[in-house]
C-alpha atoms as a PDB file:
ATOM      1  CA  UNK A   1     -46.775 -59.639 -83.827  1.00  0.00           C
ATOM      2  CA  UNK A   2     -45.101 -56.393 -83.660  1.00  0.00           C
ATOM      3  CA  UNK A   3     -44.876 -54.308 -80.500  1.00  0.00           C
ATOM      4  CA  UNK A   4     -44.342 -50.501 -80.317  1.00  0.00           C
ATOM      5  CA  UNK A   5     -40.985 -51.161 -79.140  1.00  0.00           C
ATOM      6  CA  UNK A   6     -40.279 -52.876 -82.624  1.00  0.00           C
ATOM      7  CA  UNK A   7     -41.542 -49.739 -84.065  1.00  0.00           C
ATOM      8  CA  UNK A   8     -39.699 -47.169 -82.344  1.00  0.00           C
ATOM      9  CA  UNK A   9     -36.619 -49.302 -83.010  1.00  0.00           C
ATOM     10  CA  UNK A  10     -37.472 -49.541 -86.572  1.00  0.00           C
ATOM     11  CA  UNK A  11     -37.599 -45.671 -87.275  1.00  0.00           C
ATOM     12  CA  UNK A  12     -34.792 -44.833 -85.059  1.00  0.00           C
ATOM     13  CA  UNK A  13     -32.676 -47.511 -87.128  1.00  0.00           C
ATOM     14  CA  UNK A  14     -34.045 -46.168 -90.410  1.00  0.00           C
ATOM     15  CA  UNK A  15     -33.179 -42.689 -89.305  1.00  0.00           C
ATOM     16  CA  UNK A  16     -29.531 -43.979 -88.762  1.00  0.00           C
ATOM     17  CA  UNK A  17     -29.445 -45.581 -91.737  1.00  0.00           C
ATOM     18  CA  UNK A  18     -30.635 -42.278 -93.777  1.00  0.00           C
ATOM     19  CA  UNK A  19     -27.877 -40.419 -91.715  1.00  0.00           C
ATOM     20  CA  UNK A  20     -24.962 -42.435 -93.192  1.00  0.00           C
ATOM     21  CA  UNK A  21     -26.732 -42.607 -96.384  1.00  0.00           C
ATOM     22  CA  UNK A  22     -26.896 -38.983 -96.671  1.00  0.00           C
ATOM     23  CA  UNK A  23     -23.121 -38.439 -95.977  1.00  0.00           C
ATOM     24  CA  UNK A  24     -22.529 -41.077 -98.968  1.00  0.00           C
ATOM     25  CA  UNK A  25     -24.943 -38.961-100.845  1.00  0.00           C
ATOM     26  CA  UNK A  26     -23.106 -35.793-100.491  1.00  0.00           C
ATOM     27  CA  UNK A  27     -20.032 -37.429-101.702  1.00  0.00           C
ATOM     28  CA  UNK A  28     -21.189 -39.666-104.353  1.00  0.00           C
ATOM     29  CA  UNK A  29     -18.687 -39.386-106.849  1.00  0.00           C
ATOM     30  CA  UNK A  30     -16.455 -41.191-104.662  1.00  0.00           C
ATOM     31  CA  UNK A  31     -18.450 -44.268-104.480  1.00  0.00           C
ATOM     32  CA  UNK A  32     -17.282 -47.718-106.264  1.00  0.00           C
ATOM     33  CA  UNK A  33     -20.085 -48.682-108.332  1.00  0.00           C
ATOM     34  CA  UNK A  34     -20.787 -52.320-109.337  1.00  0.00           C
ATOM     35  CA  UNK A  35     -23.400 -53.849-111.639  1.00  0.00           C
ATOM     36  CA  UNK A  36     -25.449 -56.789-110.679  1.00  0.00           C
ATOM     37  CA  UNK A  37     -27.140 -57.281-113.762  1.00  0.00           C
ATOM     38  CA  UNK A  38     -28.086 -54.537-116.605  1.00  0.00           C
ATOM     39  CA  UNK A  39     -29.303 -51.525-115.136  1.00  0.00           C
ATOM     40  CA  UNK A  40     -29.144 -52.832-111.664  1.00  0.00           C
ATOM     41  CA  UNK A  41     -26.598 -50.894-109.625  1.00  0.00           C
ATOM     42  CA  UNK A  42     -25.061 -51.617-106.011  1.00  0.00           C
ATOM     43  CA  UNK A  43     -22.113 -49.714-104.270  1.00  0.00           C
ATOM     44  CA  UNK A  44     -20.719 -49.098-100.719  1.00  0.00           C
ATOM     45  CA  UNK A  45     -23.500 -47.239 -99.823  1.00  0.00           C
ATOM     46  CA  UNK A  46     -26.034 -49.899-100.089  1.00  0.00           C
ATOM     47  CA  UNK A  47     -23.321 -52.274 -98.053  1.00  0.00           C
ATOM     48  CA  UNK A  48     -22.835 -49.953 -95.317  1.00  0.00           C
ATOM     49  CA  UNK A  49     -26.665 -49.130 -94.908  1.00  0.00           C
ATOM     50  CA  UNK A  50     -27.379 -52.806 -94.827  1.00  0.00           C
ATOM     51  CA  UNK A  51     -24.882 -53.634 -92.157  1.00  0.00           C
ATOM     52  CA  UNK A  52     -25.775 -51.065 -90.116  1.00  0.00           C
ATOM     53  CA  UNK A  53     -29.608 -51.957 -90.568  1.00  0.00           C
ATOM     54  CA  UNK A  54     -28.255 -55.606 -89.933  1.00  0.00           C
ATOM     55  CA  UNK A  55     -26.494 -54.754 -86.645  1.00  0.00           C
ATOM     56  CA  UNK A  56     -28.803 -52.510 -84.730  1.00  0.00           C
ATOM     57  CA  UNK A  57     -31.763 -54.413 -85.864  1.00  0.00           C
ATOM     58  CA  UNK A  58     -30.720 -57.856 -84.722  1.00  0.00           C
ATOM     59  CA  UNK A  59     -28.486 -56.955 -82.176  1.00  0.00           C
ATOM     60  CA  UNK A  60     -31.308 -56.333 -79.678  1.00  0.00           C
ATOM     61  CA  UNK A  61     -33.161 -59.493 -80.917  1.00  0.00           C
ATOM     62  CA  UNK A  62     -30.494 -62.121 -81.970  1.00  0.00           C
ATOM     63  CA  UNK A  63     -33.354 -64.892 -82.349  1.00  0.00           C
ATOM     64  CA  UNK A  64     -34.996 -62.949 -85.196  1.00  0.00           C
ATOM     65  CA  UNK A  65     -34.772 -63.989 -89.261  1.00  0.00           C
ATOM     66  CA  UNK A  66     -33.341 -61.659 -92.094  1.00  0.00           C
ATOM     67  CA  UNK A  67     -33.998 -60.820 -95.181  1.00  0.00           C
ATOM     68  CA  UNK A  68     -32.150 -57.905 -96.821  1.00  0.00           C
ATOM     69  CA  UNK A  69     -31.113 -57.135-100.507  1.00  0.00           C
ATOM     70  CA  UNK A  70     -27.250 -57.475 -99.632  1.00  0.00           C
ATOM     71  CA  UNK A  71     -26.585 -59.941 -97.226  1.00  0.00           C
ATOM     72  CA  UNK A  72     -27.203 -63.583 -96.975  1.00  0.00           C
ATOM     73  CA  UNK A  73     -30.773 -64.463 -95.382  1.00  0.00           C
ATOM     74  CA  UNK A  74     -31.483 -65.963 -91.846  1.00  0.00           C
ATOM     75  CA  UNK A  75     -34.589 -68.074 -91.569  1.00  0.00           C
ATOM     76  CA  UNK A  76     -36.942 -67.313 -88.570  1.00  0.00           C
ATOM     77  CA  UNK A  77     -41.034 -67.265 -87.659  1.00  0.00           C
ATOM     78  CA  UNK A  78     -39.964 -63.429 -86.797  1.00  0.00           C
ATOM     79  CA  UNK A  79     -38.413 -61.912 -90.142  1.00  0.00           C
ATOM     80  CA  UNK A  80     -36.834 -58.392 -90.507  1.00  0.00           C
ATOM     81  CA  UNK A  81     -37.214 -57.555 -94.479  1.00  0.00           C
ATOM     82  CA  UNK A  82     -34.678 -54.863 -95.483  1.00  0.00           C
ATOM     83  CA  UNK A  83     -33.915 -52.550 -98.372  1.00  0.00           C
ATOM     84  CA  UNK A  84     -30.873 -50.338 -97.302  1.00  0.00           C
ATOM     85  CA  UNK A  85     -31.317 -48.111-100.490  1.00  0.00           C
ATOM     86  CA  UNK A  86     -34.540 -48.411-102.406  1.00  0.00           C
ATOM     87  CA  UNK A  87     -34.082 -46.415-105.563  1.00  0.00           C
ATOM     88  CA  UNK A  88     -30.149 -46.772-105.963  1.00  0.00           C
ATOM     89  CA  UNK A  89     -29.869 -45.799-109.527  1.00  0.00           C
ATOM     90  CA  UNK A  90     -31.704 -42.195-108.497  1.00  0.00           C
ATOM     91  CA  UNK A  91     -29.460 -41.947-105.676  1.00  0.00           C
ATOM     92  CA  UNK A  92     -26.243 -42.582-107.705  1.00  0.00           C
ATOM     93  CA  UNK A  93     -27.407 -40.628-110.252  1.00  0.00           C
ATOM     94  CA  UNK A  94     -28.338 -37.303-107.780  1.00  0.00           C
ATOM     95  CA  UNK A  95     -31.949 -37.797-108.275  1.00  0.00           C
ATOM     96  CA  UNK A  96     -33.708 -36.816-104.990  1.00  0.00           C
ATOM     97  CA  UNK A  97     -35.611 -40.154-104.938  1.00  0.00           C
ATOM     98  CA  UNK A  98     -35.040 -43.105-102.807  1.00  0.00           C
ATOM     99  CA  UNK A  99     -35.358 -44.298 -99.449  1.00  0.00           C
ATOM    100  CA  UNK A 100     -34.898 -46.744 -96.135  1.00  0.00           C
ATOM    101  CA  UNK A 101     -37.269 -49.526 -96.081  1.00  0.00           C
ATOM    102  CA  UNK A 102     -37.782 -51.818 -93.331  1.00  0.00           C
ATOM    103  CA  UNK A 103     -40.632 -54.260 -92.485  1.00  0.00           C
ATOM    104  CA  UNK A 104     -41.257 -57.131 -90.118  1.00  0.00           C
ATOM    105  CA  UNK A 105     -42.779 -60.434 -90.614  1.00  0.00           C
ATOM    106  CA  UNK A 106     -44.623 -62.584 -87.799  1.00  0.00           C
ATOM    107  CA  UNK A 107     -45.470 -66.224 -88.835  1.00  0.00           C
ATOM    108  CA  UNK A 108     -45.702 -65.099 -92.427  1.00  0.00           C
ATOM    109  CA  UNK A 109     -47.640 -61.898 -92.164  1.00  0.00           C
ATOM    110  CA  UNK A 110     -46.513 -58.541 -92.681  1.00  0.00           C
ATOM    111  CA  UNK A 111     -47.191 -56.430 -89.442  1.00  0.00           C
ATOM    112  CA  UNK A 112     -44.673 -53.444 -89.278  1.00  0.00           C
ATOM    113  CA  UNK A 113     -43.274 -51.250 -92.048  1.00  0.00           C
ATOM    114  CA  UNK A 114     -41.242 -47.842 -92.122  1.00  0.00           C
ATOM    115  CA  UNK A 115     -40.187 -46.163 -95.254  1.00  0.00           C
ATOM    116  CA  UNK A 116     -37.943 -43.250 -94.524  1.00  0.00           C
ATOM    117  CA  UNK A 117     -36.943 -40.741 -96.766  1.00  0.00           C
ATOM    118  CA  UNK A 118     -33.707 -38.754 -95.837  1.00  0.00           C
ATOM    119  CA  UNK A 119     -33.975 -36.059 -98.019  1.00  0.00           C
ATOM    120  CA  UNK A 120     -37.273 -34.517 -97.378  1.00  0.00           C
ATOM    121  CA  UNK A 121     -37.304 -35.770 -93.927  1.00  0.00           C
ATOM    122  CA  UNK A 122     -40.449 -37.995 -94.125  1.00  0.00           C
ATOM    123  CA  UNK A 123     -40.898 -41.319 -92.362  1.00  0.00           C
ATOM    124  CA  UNK A 124     -44.170 -43.209 -93.277  1.00  0.00           C
ATOM    125  CA  UNK A 125     -44.648 -45.826 -90.503  1.00  0.00           C
ATOM    126  CA  UNK A 126     -47.726 -48.446 -89.503  1.00  0.00           C
ATOM    127  CA  UNK A 127     -48.105 -51.320 -87.686  1.00  0.00           C
ATOM    128  CA  UNK A 128     -50.841 -53.710 -88.140  1.00  0.00           C
ATOM    129  CA  UNK A 129     -54.008 -52.757 -86.746  1.00  0.00           C
ATOM    130  CA  UNK A 130     -52.824 -49.443 -85.802  1.00  0.00           C
ATOM    131  CA  UNK A 131     -53.183 -46.868 -89.050  1.00  0.00           C
ATOM    132  CA  UNK A 132     -50.666 -44.947 -90.555  1.00  0.00           C
ATOM    133  CA  UNK A 133     -48.225 -42.195 -89.580  1.00  0.00           C
ATOM    134  CA  UNK A 134     -46.045 -39.283 -91.231  1.00  0.00           C
ATOM    135  CA  UNK A 135     -43.266 -38.559 -89.056  1.00  0.00           C
ATOM    136  CA  UNK A 136     -45.430 -39.700 -85.678  1.00  0.00           C
ATOM    137  CA  UNK A 137     -48.698 -38.260 -86.840  1.00  0.00           C
ATOM    138  CA  UNK A 138     -51.527 -39.925 -87.910  1.00  0.00           C
ATOM    139  CA  UNK A 139     -52.213 -39.806 -91.541  1.00  0.00           C
ATOM    140  CA  UNK A 140     -55.527 -39.937 -93.444  1.00  0.00           C
ATOM    141  CA  UNK A 141     -55.140 -39.911 -97.088  1.00  0.00           C
ATOM    142  CA  UNK A 142     -58.104 -37.834 -99.057  1.00  0.00           C
ATOM    143  CA  UNK A 143     -60.606 -39.282-101.058  1.00  0.00           C
ATOM    144  CA  UNK A 144     -59.167 -39.837-104.767  1.00  0.00           C
ATOM    145  CA  UNK A 145     -60.149 -38.010-107.715  1.00  0.00           C
ATOM    146  CA  UNK A 146     -62.408 -39.819-110.547  1.00  0.00           C
ATOM    147  CA  UNK A 147     -60.469 -42.387-112.354  1.00  0.00           C
ATOM    148  CA  UNK A 148     -60.229 -40.156-115.357  1.00  0.00           C
ATOM    149  CA  UNK A 149     -58.302 -37.317-113.056  1.00  0.00           C
ATOM    150  CA  UNK A 150     -56.206 -39.884-111.213  1.00  0.00           C
ATOM    151  CA  UNK A 151     -52.391 -40.118-111.557  1.00  0.00           C
ATOM    152  CA  UNK A 152     -50.904 -43.684-110.870  1.00  0.00           C
ATOM    153  CA  UNK A 153     -47.296 -44.922-110.432  1.00  0.00           C
ATOM    154  CA  UNK A 154     -45.657 -47.671-111.471  1.00  0.00           C
ATOM    155  CA  UNK A 155     -41.983 -49.227-112.582  1.00  0.00           C
ATOM    156  CA  UNK A 156     -40.550 -50.200-115.513  1.00  0.00           C
ATOM    157  CA  UNK A 157     -38.779 -53.120-116.228  1.00  0.00           C
ATOM    158  CA  UNK A 158     -35.102 -52.629-117.748  1.00  0.00           C
ATOM    159  CA  UNK A 159     -32.240 -54.475-119.209  1.00  0.00           C
ATOM    160  CA  UNK A 160     -33.044 -58.175-120.877  1.00  0.00           C
ATOM    161  CA  UNK A 161     -36.390 -58.712-118.176  1.00  0.00           C
ATOM    162  CA  UNK A 162     -38.661 -60.763-119.846  1.00  0.00           C
ATOM    163  CA  UNK A 163     -41.881 -58.719-119.060  1.00  0.00           C
ATOM    164  CA  UNK A 164     -41.147 -55.187-121.111  1.00  0.00           C
ATOM    165  CA  UNK A 165     -43.298 -56.051-123.666  1.00  0.00           C
ATOM    166  CA  UNK A 166     -46.052 -56.684-120.849  1.00  0.00           C
ATOM    167  CA  UNK A 167     -45.453 -53.608-119.501  1.00  0.00           C
ATOM    168  CA  UNK A 168     -45.573 -51.411-122.593  1.00  0.00           C
ATOM    169  CA  UNK A 169     -48.945 -52.712-123.259  1.00  0.00           C
ATOM    170  CA  UNK A 170     -50.117 -52.224-119.588  1.00  0.00           C
ATOM    171  CA  UNK A 171     -49.257 -48.606-120.219  1.00  0.00           C
ATOM    172  CA  UNK A 172     -51.010 -48.314-123.238  1.00  0.00           C
ATOM    173  CA  UNK A 173     -54.175 -49.388-121.457  1.00  0.00           C
ATOM    174  CA  UNK A 174     -53.845 -47.418-118.737  1.00  0.00           C
ATOM    175  CA  UNK A 175     -52.704 -43.797-119.921  1.00  0.00           C
ATOM    176  CA  UNK A 176     -55.051 -43.203-122.238  1.00  0.00           C
ATOM    177  CA  UNK A 177     -58.126 -42.711-119.395  1.00  0.00           C
ATOM    178  CA  UNK A 178     -56.196 -41.282-116.592  1.00  0.00           C
ATOM    179  CA  UNK A 179     -54.354 -37.898-115.790  1.00  0.00           C
ATOM    180  CA  UNK A 180     -50.817 -39.923-116.301  1.00  0.00           C
ATOM    181  CA  UNK A 181     -48.721 -42.286-114.791  1.00  0.00           C
ATOM    182  CA  UNK A 182     -45.359 -41.634-112.842  1.00  0.00           C
ATOM    183  CA  UNK A 183     -42.049 -43.964-113.196  1.00  0.00           C
ATOM    184  CA  UNK A 184     -40.125 -42.476-110.073  1.00  0.00           C
ATOM    185  CA  UNK A 185     -37.712 -45.559-109.600  1.00  0.00           C
ATOM    186  CA  UNK A 186     -38.253 -46.578-105.834  1.00  0.00           C
ATOM    187  CA  UNK A 187     -41.072 -48.732-105.689  1.00  0.00           C
ATOM    188  CA  UNK A 188     -41.099 -48.530-101.751  1.00  0.00           C
ATOM    189  CA  UNK A 189     -41.204 -44.778-101.538  1.00  0.00           C
ATOM    190  CA  UNK A 190     -43.672 -45.273-104.755  1.00  0.00           C
ATOM    191  CA  UNK A 191     -46.218 -47.060-102.555  1.00  0.00           C
ATOM    192  CA  UNK A 192     -45.898 -44.925 -99.583  1.00  0.00           C
ATOM    193  CA  UNK A 193     -46.745 -42.074-101.859  1.00  0.00           C
ATOM    194  CA  UNK A 194     -50.130 -44.271-102.778  1.00  0.00           C
ATOM    195  CA  UNK A 195     -50.868 -44.703 -99.202  1.00  0.00           C
ATOM    196  CA  UNK A 196     -50.745 -41.260 -98.297  1.00  0.00           C
ATOM    197  CA  UNK A 197     -52.564 -40.104-101.144  1.00  0.00           C
ATOM    198  CA  UNK A 198     -49.881 -38.685-103.250  1.00  0.00           C
ATOM    199  CA  UNK A 199     -50.348 -41.262-105.975  1.00  0.00           C
ATOM    200  CA  UNK A 200     -53.987 -42.727-107.077  1.00  0.00           C
ATOM    201  CA  UNK A 201     -52.526 -45.944-107.299  1.00  0.00           C
ATOM    202  CA  UNK A 202     -49.542 -48.339-108.499  1.00  0.00           C
ATOM    203  CA  UNK A 203     -48.724 -51.515-110.148  1.00  0.00           C
ATOM    204  CA  UNK A 204     -45.906 -53.447-111.079  1.00  0.00           C
ATOM    205  CA  UNK A 205     -44.508 -57.111-112.014  1.00  0.00           C
ATOM    206  CA  UNK A 206     -41.959 -59.248-110.055  1.00  0.00           C
ATOM    207  CA  UNK A 207     -40.545 -57.126-107.278  1.00  0.00           C
ATOM    208  CA  UNK A 208     -38.946 -58.556-104.446  1.00  0.00           C
ATOM    209  CA  UNK A 209     -39.796 -58.590-101.178  1.00  0.00           C
ATOM    210  CA  UNK A 210     -37.538 -55.782 -99.494  1.00  0.00           C
ATOM    211  CA  UNK A 211     -38.909 -53.786-102.498  1.00  0.00           C
ATOM    212  CA  UNK A 212     -42.678 -54.080-101.286  1.00  0.00           C
ATOM    213  CA  UNK A 213     -43.108 -55.884 -97.733  1.00  0.00           C
ATOM    214  CA  UNK A 214     -43.106 -52.255 -95.965  1.00  0.00           C
ATOM    215  CA  UNK A 215     -45.101 -50.813 -98.263  1.00  0.00           C
ATOM    216  CA  UNK A 216     -47.732 -53.048 -98.183  1.00  0.00           C
ATOM    217  CA  UNK A 217     -48.213 -52.486 -94.469  1.00  0.00           C
ATOM    218  CA  UNK A 218     -48.533 -48.860 -95.069  1.00  0.00           C
ATOM    219  CA  UNK A 219     -51.105 -49.534 -97.753  1.00  0.00           C
ATOM    220  CA  UNK A 220     -53.125 -51.918 -96.145  1.00  0.00           C
ATOM    221  CA  UNK A 221     -52.997 -49.704 -93.174  1.00  0.00           C
ATOM    222  CA  UNK A 222     -54.084 -46.488 -95.285  1.00  0.00           C
ATOM    223  CA  UNK A 223     -57.246 -48.476 -95.984  1.00  0.00           C
ATOM    224  CA  UNK A 224     -56.009 -49.250 -99.754  1.00  0.00           C
ATOM    225  CA  UNK A 225     -56.684 -52.278-101.735  1.00  0.00           C
ATOM    226  CA  UNK A 226     -54.034 -54.178-102.300  1.00  0.00           C
ATOM    227  CA  UNK A 227     -53.901 -57.488-104.860  1.00  0.00           C
ATOM    228  CA  UNK A 228     -51.783 -59.206-107.229  1.00  0.00           C
ATOM    229  CA  UNK A 229     -52.096 -59.805-110.822  1.00  0.00           C
ATOM    230  CA  UNK A 230     -55.384 -62.062-109.748  1.00  0.00           C
ATOM    231  CA  UNK A 231     -57.451 -61.506-106.998  1.00  0.00           C
ATOM    232  CA  UNK A 232     -56.448 -64.205-104.834  1.00  0.00           C
ATOM    233  CA  UNK A 233     -52.840 -63.573-105.547  1.00  0.00           C
ATOM    234  CA  UNK A 234     -50.778 -61.972-102.302  1.00  0.00           C
ATOM    235  CA  UNK A 235     -48.134 -59.893-103.766  1.00  0.00           C
ATOM    236  CA  UNK A 236     -45.789 -61.267-100.716  1.00  0.00           C
ATOM    237  CA  UNK A 237     -46.072 -64.448-102.261  1.00  0.00           C
ATOM    238  CA  UNK A 238     -45.296 -63.150-105.977  1.00  0.00           C
ATOM    239  CA  UNK A 239     -43.916 -59.709-105.747  1.00  0.00           C
ATOM    240  CA  UNK A 240     -46.457 -58.644-108.424  1.00  0.00           C
ATOM    241  CA  UNK A 241     -48.636 -55.666-106.986  1.00  0.00           C
ATOM    242  CA  UNK A 242     -51.588 -53.608-108.112  1.00  0.00           C
ATOM    243  CA  UNK A 243     -53.283 -51.156-105.290  1.00  0.00           C
ATOM    244  CA  UNK A 244     -55.663 -48.002-105.373  1.00  0.00           C
ATOM    245  CA  UNK A 245     -58.400 -46.775-102.881  1.00  0.00           C
ATOM    246  CA  UNK A 246     -61.046 -49.110-102.843  1.00  0.00           C
ATOM    247  CA  UNK A 247     -63.197 -46.309-105.200  1.00  0.00           C
ATOM    248  CA  UNK A 248     -61.098 -46.712-108.062  1.00  0.00           C
ATOM    249  CA  UNK A 249     -59.249 -49.970-107.510  1.00  0.00           C
ATOM    250  CA  UNK A 250     -61.381 -52.099-109.713  1.00  0.00           C
ATOM    251  CA  UNK A 251     -61.319 -50.012-112.714  1.00  0.00           C
ATOM    252  CA  UNK A 252     -57.604 -50.130-112.386  1.00  0.00           C
ATOM    253  CA  UNK A 253     -57.149 -53.622-112.005  1.00  0.00           C
ATOM    254  CA  UNK A 254     -59.778 -54.425-114.525  1.00  0.00           C
ATOM    255  CA  UNK A 255     -57.728 -52.383-116.928  1.00  0.00           C
ATOM    256  CA  UNK A 256     -54.838 -54.161-116.268  1.00  0.00           C
ATOM    257  CA  UNK A 257     -56.296 -57.598-116.552  1.00  0.00           C
ATOM    258  CA  UNK A 258     -57.587 -57.079-119.750  1.00  0.00           C
ATOM    259  CA  UNK A 259     -54.230 -57.835-120.836  1.00  0.00           C
ATOM    260  CA  UNK A 260     -54.078 -61.213-119.527  1.00  0.00           C
END
């Protein structure tokens, strides 16, 4: 299980990575940018942030495992799952919606999550069984509006991803019955916004563990329902997530799953 000391460490390390990224943000025109595939970019900011995170999380925990977006994995029953810069494209374009994401997994169960937004000075955190916090204070999301007034978040596939048509069909089903859908480009931060009640739900297919692991902890501790494309599917196993408050989850899930 995660401990309060683990949570304190994760928050402190997320803040340190955030300060490093803020410095790069101010000089982002100097960064060298590489494309991992069409629409998927990486820079020195990503690599340096992950190096800092890996050193400071594993330094005091040398037997822990590791899964990061930019470095080799290390197996372990207790494992840190990290996105050093969620929302890289936003970061490189000067769009202020990106974050550092840290999760801790113990024996296959996600037990701790921290998502830190350096520009807004917001740190969302949760430990299994302890509730959701924002900047160290307990946070209880407000009751959602009715489905007709709900505002949802999603991610859109890009480049040659094979599920572009599926997602276009999702939007065609969801948009007519809601107040709108936002695609803001940083899945971890979007999930934190659902946990905090700023968005009324979120869905996306085929995300990676570092995109969603911390957010899943926040969502569950905030009382959100979280499922995959089928009710018995775990998002941490497939990367596909549907989440919303219990009062409107069934309608969102039914609307999305109507497309098969």
